[in-house]
PDB file of N, CA and C in Angstrom:
ATOM      1  N   MET A   1     -59.386 -29.424 -18.400  1.00  0.00           N
ATOM      2  CA  MET A   1     -59.722 -28.077 -18.014  1.00  0.00           C
ATOM      3  C   MET A   1     -58.489 -27.400 -17.406  1.00  0.00           C
ATOM      4  N   LEU A   2     -58.192 -26.209 -17.830  1.00  0.00           N
ATOM      5  CA  LEU A   2     -57.045 -25.471 -17.323  1.00  0.00           C
ATOM      6  C   LEU A   2     -57.460 -24.604 -16.159  1.00  0.00           C
ATOM      7  N   THR A   3     -56.627 -24.585 -15.135  1.00  0.00           N
ATOM      8  CA  THR A   3     -56.895 -23.723 -13.992  1.00  0.00           C
ATOM      9  C   THR A   3     -55.746 -22.749 -13.847  1.00  0.00           C
ATOM     10  N   HIS A   4     -56.032 -21.638 -13.247  1.00  0.00           N
ATOM     11  CA  HIS A   4     -55.001 -20.606 -13.070  1.00  0.00           C
ATOM     12  C   HIS A   4     -54.575 -20.508 -11.625  1.00  0.00           C
ATOM     13  N   GLY A   5     -54.356 -21.633 -10.988  1.00  0.00           N
ATOM     14  CA  GLY A   5     -53.880 -21.633  -9.607  1.00  0.00           C
ATOM     15  C   GLY A   5     -55.006 -21.931  -8.648  1.00  0.00           C
ATOM     16  N   ASP A   6     -54.643 -22.373  -7.498  1.00  0.00           N
ATOM     17  CA  ASP A   6     -55.589 -22.707  -6.438  1.00  0.00           C
ATOM     18  C   ASP A   6     -55.985 -21.419  -5.725  1.00  0.00           C
ATOM     19  N   PRO A   7     -57.296 -21.116  -5.630  1.00  0.00           N
ATOM     20  CA  PRO A   7     -57.691 -19.868  -4.979  1.00  0.00           C
ATOM     21  C   PRO A   7     -57.334 -19.835  -3.498  1.00  0.00           C
ATOM     22  N   ASP A   8     -57.123 -20.987  -2.893  1.00  0.00           N
ATOM     23  CA  ASP A   8     -56.755 -21.018  -1.478  1.00  0.00           C
ATOM     24  C   ASP A   8     -55.261 -20.791  -1.271  1.00  0.00           C
ATOM     25  N   GLU A   9     -54.526 -20.865  -2.356  1.00  0.00           N
ATOM     26  CA  GLU A   9     -53.069 -20.730  -2.285  1.00  0.00           C
ATOM     27  C   GLU A   9     -52.707 -19.255  -2.094  1.00  0.00           C
ATOM     28  N   GLU A  10     -51.824 -18.954  -1.142  1.00  0.00           N
ATOM     29  CA  GLU A  10     -51.416 -17.578  -0.889  1.00  0.00           C
ATOM     30  C   GLU A  10     -50.300 -17.196  -1.858  1.00  0.00           C
ATOM     31  N   GLU A  11     -50.324 -15.938  -2.259  1.00  0.00           N
ATOM     32  CA  GLU A  11     -49.254 -15.453  -3.120  1.00  0.00           C
ATOM     33  C   GLU A  11     -48.014 -15.214  -2.276  1.00  0.00           C
ATOM     34  N   GLU A  12     -46.861 -15.523  -2.869  1.00  0.00           N
ATOM     35  CA  GLU A  12     -45.612 -15.295  -2.149  1.00  0.00           C
ATOM     36  C   GLU A  12     -45.279 -13.816  -2.182  1.00  0.00           C
ATOM     37  N   ASP A  13     -44.737 -13.342  -1.078  1.00  0.00           N
ATOM     38  CA  ASP A  13     -44.286 -11.959  -1.033  1.00  0.00           C
ATOM     39  C   ASP A  13     -43.057 -11.833  -1.925  1.00  0.00           C
ATOM     40  N   PRO A  14     -42.892 -10.670  -2.558  1.00  0.00           N
ATOM     41  CA  PRO A  14     -41.668 -10.497  -3.354  1.00  0.00           C
ATOM     42  C   PRO A  14     -40.460 -10.589  -2.435  1.00  0.00           C
ATOM     43  N   PRO A  15     -39.350 -11.115  -2.940  1.00  0.00           N
ATOM     44  CA  PRO A  15     -38.161 -11.251  -2.082  1.00  0.00           C
ATOM     45  C   PRO A  15     -37.696  -9.898  -1.569  1.00  0.00           C
ATOM     46  N   ALA A  16     -37.278  -9.889  -0.334  1.00  0.00           N
ATOM     47  CA  ALA A  16     -36.755  -8.661   0.263  1.00  0.00           C
ATOM     48  C   ALA A  16     -35.488  -8.250  -0.472  1.00  0.00           C
ATOM     49  N   GLU A  17     -35.282  -6.960  -0.576  1.00  0.00           N
ATOM     50  CA  GLU A  17     -34.078  -6.498  -1.258  1.00  0.00           C
ATOM     51  C   GLU A  17     -32.855  -6.921  -0.470  1.00  0.00           C
ATOM     52  N   GLU A  18     -31.951  -7.573  -1.175  1.00  0.00           N
ATOM     53  CA  GLU A  18     -30.722  -8.013  -0.526  1.00  0.00           C
ATOM     54  C   GLU A  18     -29.725  -6.868  -0.531  1.00  0.00           C
ATOM     55  N   GLU A  19     -28.934  -6.814   0.519  1.00  0.00           N
ATOM     56  CA  GLU A  19     -27.885  -5.805   0.558  1.00  0.00           C
ATOM     57  C   GLU A  19     -26.859  -6.145  -0.513  1.00  0.00           C
ATOM     58  N   GLU A  20     -26.443  -5.131  -1.214  1.00  0.00           N
ATOM     59  CA  GLU A  20     -25.453  -5.338  -2.242  1.00  0.00           C
ATOM     60  C   GLU A  20     -24.117  -5.645  -1.587  1.00  0.00           C
ATOM     61  N   MET A  21     -23.501  -6.721  -2.028  1.00  0.00           N
ATOM     62  CA  MET A  21     -22.215  -7.101  -1.443  1.00  0.00           C
ATOM     63  C   MET A  21     -21.145  -6.121  -1.926  1.00  0.00           C
ATOM     64  N   VAL A  22     -20.261  -5.788  -1.039  1.00  0.00           N
ATOM     65  CA  VAL A  22     -19.182  -4.857  -1.348  1.00  0.00           C
ATOM     66  C   VAL A  22     -17.888  -5.646  -1.429  1.00  0.00           C
ATOM     67  N   ASP A  23     -17.193  -5.465  -2.518  1.00  0.00           N
ATOM     68  CA  ASP A  23     -15.918  -6.139  -2.711  1.00  0.00           C
ATOM     69  C   ASP A  23     -14.871  -5.454  -1.824  1.00  0.00           C
ATOM     70  N   PRO A  24     -14.278  -6.196  -0.873  1.00  0.00           N
ATOM     71  CA  PRO A  24     -13.279  -5.562   0.005  1.00  0.00           C
ATOM     72  C   PRO A  24     -12.088  -5.011  -0.763  1.00  0.00           C
ATOM     73  N   LEU A  25     -11.759  -5.598  -1.901  1.00  0.00           N
ATOM     74  CA  LEU A  25     -10.640  -5.101  -2.698  1.00  0.00           C
ATOM     75  C   LEU A  25     -10.901  -3.671  -3.168  1.00  0.00           C
ATOM     76  N   GLU A  26     -12.114  -3.408  -3.634  1.00  0.00           N
ATOM     77  CA  GLU A  26     -12.445  -2.061  -4.108  1.00  0.00           C
ATOM     78  C   GLU A  26     -12.409  -1.050  -2.965  1.00  0.00           C
ATOM     79  N   THR A  27     -12.900  -1.447  -1.797  1.00  0.00           N
ATOM     80  CA  THR A  27     -12.902  -0.564  -0.635  1.00  0.00           C
ATOM     81  C   THR A  27     -11.479  -0.226  -0.216  1.00  0.00           C
ATOM     82  N   ILE A  28     -10.623  -1.227  -0.151  1.00  0.00           N
ATOM     83  CA  ILE A  28      -9.235  -1.011   0.273  1.00  0.00           C
ATOM     84  C   ILE A  28      -8.482  -0.197  -0.775  1.00  0.00           C
ATOM     85  N   ARG A  29      -8.744  -0.457  -2.061  1.00  0.00           N
ATOM     86  CA  ARG A  29      -8.093   0.339  -3.108  1.00  0.00           C
ATOM     87  C   ARG A  29      -8.441   1.813  -2.949  1.00  0.00           C
ATOM     88  N   ALA A  30      -9.716   2.092  -2.683  1.00  0.00           N
ATOM     89  CA  ALA A  30     -10.132   3.490  -2.517  1.00  0.00           C
ATOM     90  C   ALA A  30      -9.421   4.133  -1.334  1.00  0.00           C
ATOM     91  N   LYS A  31      -9.272   3.387  -0.232  1.00  0.00           N
ATOM     92  CA  LYS A  31      -8.569   3.916   0.941  1.00  0.00           C
ATOM     93  C   LYS A  31      -7.099   4.130   0.640  1.00  0.00           C
ATOM     94  N   CYS A  32      -6.484   3.183  -0.055  1.00  0.00           N
ATOM     95  CA  CYS A  32      -5.061   3.301  -0.373  1.00  0.00           C
ATOM     96  C   CYS A  32      -4.799   4.467  -1.318  1.00  0.00           C
ATOM     97  N   GLU A  33      -5.738   4.757  -2.212  1.00  0.00           N
ATOM     98  CA  GLU A  33      -5.552   5.878  -3.129  1.00  0.00           C
ATOM     99  C   GLU A  33      -5.536   7.213  -2.393  1.00  0.00           C
ATOM    100  N   GLN A  34      -6.004   7.231  -1.154  1.00  0.00           N
ATOM    101  CA  GLN A  34      -6.033   8.459  -0.366  1.00  0.00           C
ATOM    102  C   GLN A  34      -4.751   8.676   0.438  1.00  0.00           C
ATOM    103  N   THR A  35      -3.844   7.693   0.428  1.00  0.00           N
ATOM    104  CA  THR A  35      -2.593   7.860   1.166  1.00  0.00           C
ATOM    105  C   THR A  35      -1.728   8.905   0.463  1.00  0.00           C
ATOM    106  N   GLU A  36      -0.846   9.522   1.221  1.00  0.00           N
ATOM    107  CA  GLU A  36      -0.031  10.619   0.694  1.00  0.00           C
ATOM    108  C   GLU A  36       0.792  10.191  -0.532  1.00  0.00           C
ATOM    109  N   HIS A  37       1.397   9.016  -0.450  1.00  0.00           N
ATOM    110  CA  HIS A  37       2.245   8.543  -1.547  1.00  0.00           C
ATOM    111  C   HIS A  37       1.425   8.331  -2.812  1.00  0.00           C
ATOM    112  N   CYS A  38       0.259   7.700  -2.683  1.00  0.00           N
ATOM    113  CA  CYS A  38      -0.580   7.441  -3.850  1.00  0.00           C
ATOM    114  C   CYS A  38      -1.169   8.721  -4.420  1.00  0.00           C
ATOM    115  N   VAL A  39      -1.525   9.660  -3.550  1.00  0.00           N
ATOM    116  CA  VAL A  39      -2.067  10.935  -4.015  1.00  0.00           C
ATOM    117  C   VAL A  39      -1.029  11.655  -4.860  1.00  0.00           C
ATOM    118  N   HIS A  40       0.212  11.649  -4.401  1.00  0.00           N
ATOM    119  CA  HIS A  40       1.298  12.292  -5.147  1.00  0.00           C
ATOM    120  C   HIS A  40       1.464  11.648  -6.524  1.00  0.00           C
ATOM    121  N   LEU A  41       1.476  10.325  -6.572  1.00  0.00           N
ATOM    122  CA  LEU A  41       1.663   9.640  -7.848  1.00  0.00           C
ATOM    123  C   LEU A  41       0.452   9.806  -8.769  1.00  0.00           C
ATOM    124  N   LYS A  42      -0.731   9.875  -8.195  1.00  0.00           N
ATOM    125  CA  LYS A  42      -1.931  10.094  -9.012  1.00  0.00           C
ATOM    126  C   LYS A  42      -1.905  11.493  -9.614  1.00  0.00           C
ATOM    127  N   GLU A  43      -1.427  12.471  -8.858  1.00  0.00           N
ATOM    128  CA  GLU A  43      -1.293  13.834  -9.379  1.00  0.00           C
ATOM    129  C   GLU A  43      -0.300  13.875 -10.535  1.00  0.00           C
ATOM    130  N   ARG A  44       0.802  13.152 -10.396  1.00  0.00           N
ATOM    131  CA  ARG A  44       1.790  13.081 -11.494  1.00  0.00           C
ATOM    132  C   ARG A  44       1.169  12.456 -12.735  1.00  0.00           C
ATOM    133  N   LEU A  45       0.366  11.387 -12.536  1.00  0.00           N
ATOM    134  CA  LEU A  45      -0.302  10.717 -13.660  1.00  0.00           C
ATOM    135  C   LEU A  45      -1.296  11.666 -14.331  1.00  0.00           C
ATOM    136  N   GLU A  46      -2.110  12.344 -13.541  1.00  0.00           N
ATOM    137  CA  GLU A  46      -3.095  13.264 -14.101  1.00  0.00           C
ATOM    138  C   GLU A  46      -2.425  14.430 -14.824  1.00  0.00           C
ATOM    139  N   SER A  47      -1.305  14.903 -14.282  1.00  0.00           N
ATOM    140  CA  SER A  47      -0.551  15.982 -14.926  1.00  0.00           C
ATOM    141  C   SER A  47      -0.025  15.523 -16.276  1.00  0.00           C
ATOM    142  N   CYS A  48       0.498  14.312 -16.307  1.00  0.00           N
ATOM    143  CA  CYS A  48       1.012  13.758 -17.559  1.00  0.00           C
ATOM    144  C   CYS A  48      -0.116  13.596 -18.574  1.00  0.00           C
ATOM    145  N   GLU A  49      -1.252  13.067 -18.125  1.00  0.00           N
ATOM    146  CA  GLU A  49      -2.381  12.865 -19.031  1.00  0.00           C
ATOM    147  C   GLU A  49      -2.882  14.189 -19.598  1.00  0.00           C
ATOM    148  N   ALA A  50      -2.913  15.221 -18.773  1.00  0.00           N
ATOM    149  CA  ALA A  50      -3.339  16.545 -19.230  1.00  0.00           C
ATOM    150  C   ALA A  50      -2.355  17.096 -20.255  1.00  0.00           C
ATOM    151  N   ARG A  51      -1.065  16.912 -19.978  1.00  0.00           N
ATOM    152  CA  ARG A  51      -0.031  17.399 -20.893  1.00  0.00           C
ATOM    153  C   ARG A  51      -0.122  16.685 -22.238  1.00  0.00           C
ATOM    154  N   VAL A  52      -0.301  15.373 -22.216  1.00  0.00           N
ATOM    155  CA  VAL A  52      -0.354  14.595 -23.451  1.00  0.00           C
ATOM    156  C   VAL A  52      -1.621  14.919 -24.243  1.00  0.00           C
ATOM    157  N   SER A  53      -2.738  15.038 -23.556  1.00  0.00           N
ATOM    158  CA  SER A  53      -3.987  15.299 -24.267  1.00  0.00           C
ATOM    159  C   SER A  53      -4.063  16.725 -24.817  1.00  0.00           C
ATOM    160  N   SER A  54      -3.249  17.631 -24.280  1.00  0.00           N
ATOM    161  CA  SER A  54      -3.258  19.009 -24.773  1.00  0.00           C
ATOM    162  C   SER A  54      -2.453  19.172 -26.063  1.00  0.00           C
ATOM    163  N   ARG A  55      -1.670  18.192 -26.397  1.00  0.00           N
ATOM    164  CA  ARG A  55      -0.848  18.261 -27.604  1.00  0.00           C
ATOM    165  C   ARG A  55      -1.496  17.426 -28.705  1.00  0.00           C
ATOM    166  N   SER A  56      -1.434  17.941 -29.910  1.00  0.00           N
ATOM    167  CA  SER A  56      -2.035  17.197 -31.020  1.00  0.00           C
ATOM    168  C   SER A  56      -1.061  16.190 -31.620  1.00  0.00           C
ATOM    169  N   ASN A  57       0.235  16.469 -31.516  1.00  0.00           N
ATOM    170  CA  ASN A  57       1.214  15.571 -32.120  1.00  0.00           C
ATOM    171  C   ASN A  57       2.330  15.321 -31.107  1.00  0.00           C
ATOM    172  N   THR A  58       2.243  14.188 -30.422  1.00  0.00           N
ATOM    173  CA  THR A  58       3.274  13.858 -29.428  1.00  0.00           C
ATOM    174  C   THR A  58       3.460  12.348 -29.375  1.00  0.00           C
ATOM    175  N   GLN A  59       4.653  11.957 -29.028  1.00  0.00           N
ATOM    176  CA  GLN A  59       4.926  10.540 -28.845  1.00  0.00           C
ATOM    177  C   GLN A  59       4.974  10.176 -27.365  1.00  0.00           C
ATOM    178  N   GLU A  60       4.795  11.168 -26.510  1.00  0.00           N
ATOM    179  CA  GLU A  60       4.842  10.935 -25.071  1.00  0.00           C
ATOM    180  C   GLU A  60       3.641  10.107 -24.634  1.00  0.00           C
ATOM    181  N   GLU A  61       3.899   9.185 -23.755  1.00  0.00           N
ATOM    182  CA  GLU A  61       2.851   8.383 -23.142  1.00  0.00           C
ATOM    183  C   GLU A  61       3.032   8.463 -21.630  1.00  0.00           C
ATOM    184  N   CYS A  62       2.008   8.099 -20.895  1.00  0.00           N
ATOM    185  CA  CYS A  62       2.058   8.175 -19.437  1.00  0.00           C
ATOM    186  C   CYS A  62       2.165   6.785 -18.814  1.00  0.00           C
ATOM    187  N   THR A  63       2.766   5.877 -19.506  1.00  0.00           N
ATOM    188  CA  THR A  63       2.866   4.496 -19.032  1.00  0.00           C
ATOM    189  C   THR A  63       3.641   4.402 -17.727  1.00  0.00           C
ATOM    190  N   GLU A  64       4.765   5.082 -17.649  1.00  0.00           N
ATOM    191  CA  GLU A  64       5.585   5.024 -16.434  1.00  0.00           C
ATOM    192  C   GLU A  64       4.811   5.560 -15.224  1.00  0.00           C
ATOM    193  N   GLU A  65       4.137   6.692 -15.410  1.00  0.00           N
ATOM    194  CA  GLU A  65       3.367   7.289 -14.315  1.00  0.00           C
ATOM    195  C   GLU A  65       2.210   6.370 -13.892  1.00  0.00           C
ATOM    196  N   LEU A  66       1.560   5.750 -14.865  1.00  0.00           N
ATOM    197  CA  LEU A  66       0.472   4.824 -14.559  1.00  0.00           C
ATOM    198  C   LEU A  66       0.990   3.635 -13.762  1.00  0.00           C
ATOM    199  N   PHE A  67       2.082   3.043 -14.218  1.00  0.00           N
ATOM    200  CA  PHE A  67       2.642   1.884 -13.515  1.00  0.00           C
ATOM    201  C   PHE A  67       3.115   2.253 -12.113  1.00  0.00           C
ATOM    202  N   ASP A  68       3.696   3.435 -11.958  1.00  0.00           N
ATOM    203  CA  ASP A  68       4.137   3.878 -10.632  1.00  0.00           C
ATOM    204  C   ASP A  68       2.944   3.993  -9.680  1.00  0.00           C
ATOM    205  N   PHE A  69       1.863   4.593 -10.161  1.00  0.00           N
ATOM    206  CA  PHE A  69       0.674   4.747  -9.330  1.00  0.00           C
ATOM    207  C   PHE A  69       0.060   3.386  -8.984  1.00  0.00           C
ATOM    208  N   LEU A  70      -0.111   2.523  -9.985  1.00  0.00           N
ATOM    209  CA  LEU A  70      -0.708   1.207  -9.730  1.00  0.00           C
ATOM    210  C   LEU A  70       0.154   0.367  -8.801  1.00  0.00           C
ATOM    211  N   HIS A  71       1.470   0.459  -8.951  1.00  0.00           N
ATOM    212  CA  HIS A  71       2.375  -0.292  -8.089  1.00  0.00           C
ATOM    213  C   HIS A  71       2.238   0.170  -6.634  1.00  0.00           C
ATOM    214  N   ALA A  72       2.212   1.473  -6.424  1.00  0.00           N
ATOM    215  CA  ALA A  72       2.091   2.008  -5.060  1.00  0.00           C
ATOM    216  C   ALA A  72       0.752   1.628  -4.445  1.00  0.00           C
ATOM    217  N   ARG A  73      -0.321   1.754  -5.226  1.00  0.00           N
ATOM    218  CA  ARG A  73      -1.646   1.406  -4.703  1.00  0.00           C
ATOM    219  C   ARG A  73      -1.729  -0.079  -4.379  1.00  0.00           C
ATOM    220  N   ASP A  74      -1.257  -0.922  -5.285  1.00  0.00           N
ATOM    221  CA  ASP A  74      -1.326  -2.365  -5.059  1.00  0.00           C
ATOM    222  C   ASP A  74      -0.420  -2.809  -3.921  1.00  0.00           C
ATOM    223  N   HIS A  75       0.702  -2.125  -3.726  1.00  0.00           N
ATOM    224  CA  HIS A  75       1.591  -2.426  -2.609  1.00  0.00           C
ATOM    225  C   HIS A  75       0.868  -2.157  -1.291  1.00  0.00           C
ATOM    226  N   CYS A  76       0.159  -1.046  -1.233  1.00  0.00           N
ATOM    227  CA  CYS A  76      -0.629  -0.702  -0.048  1.00  0.00           C
ATOM    228  C   CYS A  76      -1.731  -1.732   0.165  1.00  0.00           C
ATOM    229  N   VAL A  77      -2.430  -2.093  -0.894  1.00  0.00           N
ATOM    230  CA  VAL A  77      -3.536  -3.061  -0.811  1.00  0.00           C
ATOM    231  C   VAL A  77      -3.033  -4.411  -0.325  1.00  0.00           C
ATOM    232  N   ALA A  78      -1.868  -4.827  -0.792  1.00  0.00           N
ATOM    233  CA  ALA A  78      -1.337  -6.147  -0.439  1.00  0.00           C
ATOM    234  C   ALA A  78      -1.144  -6.297   1.063  1.00  0.00           C
ATOM    235  N   HIS A  79      -0.828  -5.205   1.726  1.00  0.00           N
ATOM    236  CA  HIS A  79      -0.601  -5.270   3.165  1.00  0.00           C
ATOM    237  C   HIS A  79      -1.887  -5.230   3.976  1.00  0.00           C
ATOM    238  N   LYS A  80      -3.010  -4.871   3.345  1.00  0.00           N
ATOM    239  CA  LYS A  80      -4.255  -4.700   4.089  1.00  0.00           C
ATOM    240  C   LYS A  80      -5.342  -5.700   3.710  1.00  0.00           C
ATOM    241  N   LEU A  81      -5.293  -6.233   2.514  1.00  0.00           N
ATOM    242  CA  LEU A  81      -6.408  -7.034   2.000  1.00  0.00           C
ATOM    243  C   LEU A  81      -6.715  -8.259   2.818  1.00  0.00           C
ATOM    244  N   PHE A  82      -5.728  -9.058   3.133  1.00  0.00           N
ATOM    245  CA  PHE A  82      -5.995 -10.347   3.756  1.00  0.00           C
ATOM    246  C   PHE A  82      -6.337 -10.229   5.241  1.00  0.00           C
ATOM    247  N   HIS A  83      -6.198  -9.055   5.810  1.00  0.00           N
ATOM    248  CA  HIS A  83      -6.655  -8.839   7.178  1.00  0.00           C
ATOM    249  C   HIS A  83      -8.170  -8.746   7.224  1.00  0.00           C
ATOM    250  N   ASN A  84      -8.799  -8.446   6.065  1.00  0.00           N
ATOM    251  CA  ASN A  84     -10.255  -8.298   6.002  1.00  0.00           C
ATOM    252  C   ASN A  84     -10.959  -9.559   5.511  1.00  0.00           C
ATOM    253  N   VAL A  85     -10.226 -10.536   5.052  1.00  0.00           N
ATOM    254  CA  VAL A  85     -10.836 -11.751   4.537  1.00  0.00           C
ATOM    255  C   VAL A  85     -11.171 -12.660   5.720  1.00  0.00           C
ATOM    256  N   LYS A  86     -12.381 -13.169   5.697  1.00  0.00           N
ATOM    257  CA  LYS A  86     -12.826 -14.030   6.796  1.00  0.00           C
ATOM    258  C   LYS A  86     -12.632 -15.487   6.454  1.00  0.00           C
TER     259      LYS A  86
END
């Protein structure tokens, strides 16, 4: 005979919603992108991207501007990240 559970057995409450873990790297990157140096380089990158996308036939790429921005942001992150690691 098949049974569908013990009637005296209590149902478990659904698990409480867990707080979503925040990656400290993402938080620090966002803060570093707000520094004056990174803002300037991000503006240069966005300007380059706008210029390149506005042209139909160009060989220009924004690789240098992208690398400059990522280097500055990661340099900032490197000095702050491990202070937040427990």
